[in-house]
């Protein structure tokens, strides 16, 4: 088990303890809604833990079904991580280029509109003085 998994498990245990203690305290103070909220959180936390445990168990067990073979997890080697990083950087670069193109088109349209307004005889909007 990795250190990260151990920290998450410790957090889940602490979450459960706090909610059980909070539920007991709320029942002692005769606050039924407060106690029910802690019970709900306890069950949500338990459900999330069980779901996480099932998913990690399913992902780490070798199986012969086509789903696990169709999309294998990348290996932990430097080459696959480098390729994945390069793909992400390329994707980000293309996204930024497309965004810059759209911003330029908006600017061009605004300049064209401003150029047409005086030709039509329309008066440009006056700026309001700043409020004090």
Protein backbone atom coordinates (compact mmCIF):
# COMPACT_ATOMS: atom_id res chain seq x y z
CA UNK A 1 0.00 0.00 0.00
CA UNK A 2 1.37 3.40 -0.95
CA UNK A 3 1.82 6.26 1.46
CA UNK A 4 -0.95 8.19 -0.24
CA UNK A 5 -3.38 5.29 0.20
CA UNK A 6 -2.43 5.02 3.86
CA UNK A 7 -3.13 8.72 4.37
CA UNK A 8 -6.52 8.41 2.69
CA UNK A 9 -7.37 5.40 4.83
CA UNK A 10 -6.34 7.26 8.00
CA UNK A 11 -8.50 10.20 6.91
CA UNK A 12 -11.46 7.89 6.32
CA UNK A 13 -11.06 6.32 9.75
CA UNK A 14 -10.84 9.76 11.37
CA UNK A 15 -13.93 10.87 9.41
CA UNK A 16 -15.83 7.85 10.72
CA UNK A 17 -14.73 8.39 14.31
CA UNK A 18 -15.69 12.08 14.24
CA UNK A 19 -19.12 11.27 12.83
CA UNK A 20 -19.80 8.48 15.34
CA UNK A 21 -18.73 10.76 18.20
CA UNK A 22 -20.77 13.65 16.78
CA UNK A 23 -23.80 11.42 16.45
CA UNK A 24 -23.42 10.28 20.07
CA UNK A 25 -23.01 13.86 21.28
CA UNK A 26 -26.04 15.03 19.27
CA UNK A 27 -28.16 12.20 20.69
CA UNK A 28 -27.02 13.07 24.20
CA UNK A 29 -28.08 16.70 23.60
CA UNK A 30 -31.43 15.44 22.22
CA UNK A 31 -30.82 16.93 18.76
CA UNK A 32 -32.31 14.35 16.44
CA UNK A 33 -31.69 16.24 13.16
CA UNK A 34 -28.05 16.81 14.11
CA UNK A 35 -27.64 13.11 14.92
CA UNK A 36 -29.28 12.09 11.65
CA UNK A 37 -26.92 14.37 9.72
CA UNK A 38 -23.94 12.60 11.31
CA UNK A 39 -25.48 9.20 10.56
CA UNK A 40 -25.99 10.25 6.92
CA UNK A 41 -22.38 11.46 6.64
CA UNK A 42 -21.18 8.22 8.20
CA UNK A 43 -23.04 6.15 5.60
CA UNK A 44 -21.88 8.38 2.74
CA UNK A 45 -18.28 8.03 3.92
CA UNK A 46 -18.63 4.27 4.32
CA UNK A 47 -20.20 3.99 0.85
CA UNK A 48 -17.40 6.08 -0.70
CA UNK A 49 -14.77 3.93 1.00
CA UNK A 50 -16.37 0.70 -0.19
CA UNK A 51 -16.69 2.06 -3.72
CA UNK A 52 -13.03 3.14 -3.71
CA UNK A 53 -12.00 -0.28 -2.41
CA UNK A 54 -14.02 -2.06 -5.11
CA UNK A 55 -12.64 0.12 -7.91
CA UNK A 56 -9.02 -0.24 -6.81
CA UNK A 57 -9.44 -3.99 -6.41
CA UNK A 58 -11.04 -4.25 -9.87
CA UNK A 59 -8.33 -2.11 -11.47
CA UNK A 60 -5.43 -4.04 -9.96
CA UNK A 61 -6.64 -7.61 -10.47
CA UNK A 62 -5.56 -9.24 -13.73
CA UNK A 63 -8.62 -10.33 -15.65
CA UNK A 64 -9.26 -11.62 -19.12
CA UNK A 65 -12.21 -9.41 -20.00
CA UNK A 66 -11.99 -7.11 -22.99
CA UNK A 67 -12.61 -3.90 -21.02
CA UNK A 68 -9.34 -4.13 -19.12
CA UNK A 69 -7.40 -5.11 -22.24
CA UNK A 70 -8.87 -2.34 -24.38
CA UNK A 71 -7.60 0.51 -22.22
CA UNK A 72 -4.51 -0.55 -20.30
CA UNK A 73 -3.03 1.84 -17.78
CA UNK A 74 0.20 3.50 -18.92
CA UNK A 75 3.35 1.90 -17.65
CA UNK A 76 5.36 3.63 -14.99
CA UNK A 77 8.37 4.09 -17.28
CA UNK A 78 9.73 7.53 -18.10
CA UNK A 79 9.06 7.16 -21.83
CA UNK A 80 5.29 6.71 -21.48
CA UNK A 81 5.07 9.54 -18.97
CA UNK A 82 7.10 11.78 -21.26
CA UNK A 83 4.88 10.92 -24.24
CA UNK A 84 1.76 11.60 -22.20
CA UNK A 85 3.19 14.93 -21.06
CA UNK A 86 4.10 15.85 -24.65
CA UNK A 87 0.58 14.99 -25.81
CA UNK A 88 -0.92 17.17 -23.10
CA UNK A 89 1.37 20.09 -23.93
CA UNK A 90 0.52 19.77 -27.63
CA UNK A 91 -3.18 19.73 -26.80
CA UNK A 92 -2.82 22.81 -24.59
CA UNK A 93 -0.86 24.60 -27.31
CA UNK A 94 -3.55 23.88 -29.90
CA UNK A 95 -6.25 25.06 -27.48
CA UNK A 96 -4.41 28.31 -26.75
CA UNK A 97 -3.85 28.92 -30.47
CA UNK A 98 -7.55 28.42 -31.18
CA UNK A 99 -8.46 30.76 -28.33
CA UNK A 100 -6.05 33.43 -29.60
CA UNK A 101 -7.55 33.15 -33.08
CA UNK A 102 -11.06 33.64 -31.72
CA UNK A 103 -9.99 36.65 -29.66
CA UNK A 104 -8.39 38.17 -32.75
CA UNK A 105 -11.59 37.60 -34.75
CA UNK A 106 -13.63 39.31 -32.03
CA UNK A 107 -11.22 42.25 -32.08
CA UNK A 108 -11.46 42.49 -35.86
CA UNK A 109 -15.24 42.46 -35.72
CA UNK A 110 -15.20 45.21 -33.08
CA UNK A 111 -12.82 47.35 -35.17
CA UNK A 112 -14.99 46.83 -38.25
CA UNK A 113 -18.12 47.80 -36.31
CA UNK A 114 -16.42 50.93 -34.98
CA UNK A 115 -15.33 51.83 -38.52
CA UNK A 116 -18.89 51.43 -39.88
CA UNK A 117 -20.61 53.52 -37.19
CA UNK A 118 -19.26 56.91 -38.37
CA UNK A 119 -19.96 56.00 -42.01
CA UNK A 120 -23.62 55.32 -41.20
CA UNK A 121 -23.92 58.56 -39.31
CA UNK A 122 -24.39 56.82 -36.01
CA UNK A 123 -22.88 58.57 -33.06
CA UNK A 124 -20.58 56.56 -30.86
CA UNK A 125 -21.71 55.93 -27.34
CA UNK A 126 -20.52 58.53 -24.90
CA UNK A 127 -18.71 57.35 -21.84
CA UNK A 128 -20.29 58.25 -18.55
CA UNK A 129 -18.19 60.19 -16.06
CA UNK A 130 -16.91 58.04 -13.21
CA UNK A 131 -19.13 57.89 -10.18
CA UNK A 132 -17.84 59.46 -7.02
